[in-house]
Amino acid sequence: MITLNTFLAIGPMQIALVVAIVLLLFGGKKIPELMRGLGSGIKEFKDASKDDEVLEEKKKEE
């Protein structure tokens, strides 16, 4: 019986496999561009969630 903890465990072999697949799919030159896009997307998401919090606080004050 496989437990949930064992199933979701991420070890060095799984990380190496994912890195190898990404390198094969996108190539070494494309990866920095992908990471830049991912970083900017996360930043935009955080900014949008902060804006929502500010709007909610203003509505509560009124």
Protein backbone atom coordinates (compact mmCIF):
# COMPACT_ATOMS: atom_id res chain seq x y z
CA MET A 1 0.00 0.00 0.00
CA ILE A 2 1.48 3.31 -1.09
CA THR A 3 0.82 6.15 1.31
CA LEU A 4 0.20 9.69 0.19
CA ASN A 5 3.48 10.89 1.70
CA THR A 6 5.49 8.37 -0.29
CA PHE A 7 3.61 9.17 -3.47
CA LEU A 8 4.18 12.92 -3.21
CA ALA A 9 7.81 12.72 -2.05
CA ILE A 10 10.15 14.62 -4.36
CA GLY A 11 13.74 13.48 -4.31
CA PRO A 12 16.87 14.38 -6.22
CA MET A 13 16.17 11.80 -8.92
CA GLN A 14 12.75 13.27 -9.69
CA ILE A 15 14.18 16.80 -9.82
CA ALA A 16 16.95 15.65 -12.18
CA LEU A 17 14.37 13.99 -14.42
CA VAL A 18 12.25 17.14 -14.61
CA VAL A 19 15.33 19.28 -15.39
CA ALA A 20 16.38 16.86 -18.14
CA ILE A 21 12.91 16.92 -19.70
CA VAL A 22 12.80 20.73 -19.62
CA LEU A 23 16.23 20.92 -21.26
CA LEU A 24 15.16 18.51 -23.98
CA LEU A 25 11.91 20.33 -24.68
CA PHE A 26 13.09 23.94 -24.62
CA GLY A 27 16.87 23.90 -25.03
CA GLY A 28 19.42 25.82 -22.98
CA LYS A 29 18.94 29.19 -24.70
CA LYS A 30 15.19 29.37 -24.13
CA ILE A 31 15.19 28.55 -20.38
CA PRO A 32 16.32 32.00 -19.09
CA GLU A 33 13.53 33.64 -21.10
CA LEU A 34 10.99 31.19 -19.66
CA MET A 35 12.17 31.84 -16.10
CA ARG A 36 12.00 35.61 -16.66
CA GLY A 37 8.42 35.25 -17.86
CA LEU A 38 7.54 33.06 -14.89
CA GLY A 39 9.06 35.57 -12.47
CA SER A 40 7.21 38.51 -13.99
CA GLY A 41 3.96 36.54 -13.91
CA ILE A 42 4.38 35.79 -10.21
CA LYS A 43 5.20 39.45 -9.52
CA GLU A 44 2.08 40.62 -11.37
CA PHE A 45 -0.04 38.13 -9.44
CA LYS A 46 1.32 39.37 -6.11
CA ASP A 47 0.73 43.00 -7.10
CA ALA A 48 -2.83 42.24 -8.16
CA SER A 49 -3.59 40.44 -4.90
CA LYS A 50 -2.19 43.39 -2.92
CA ASP A 51 -4.40 45.77 -4.91
CA ASP A 52 -7.44 43.65 -4.06
CA GLU A 53 -6.57 43.79 -0.35
CA VAL A 54 -6.26 47.58 -0.47
CA LEU A 55 -9.64 47.88 -2.20
CA GLU A 56 -11.29 45.65 0.41
CA GLU A 57 -9.81 47.71 3.25
CA LYS A 58 -11.12 50.94 1.68
CA LYS A 59 -14.60 49.45 1.35
CA LYS A 60 -14.57 48.43 5.03
CA GLU A 61 -13.60 51.97 6.08
CA GLU A 62 -16.58 53.49 4.25
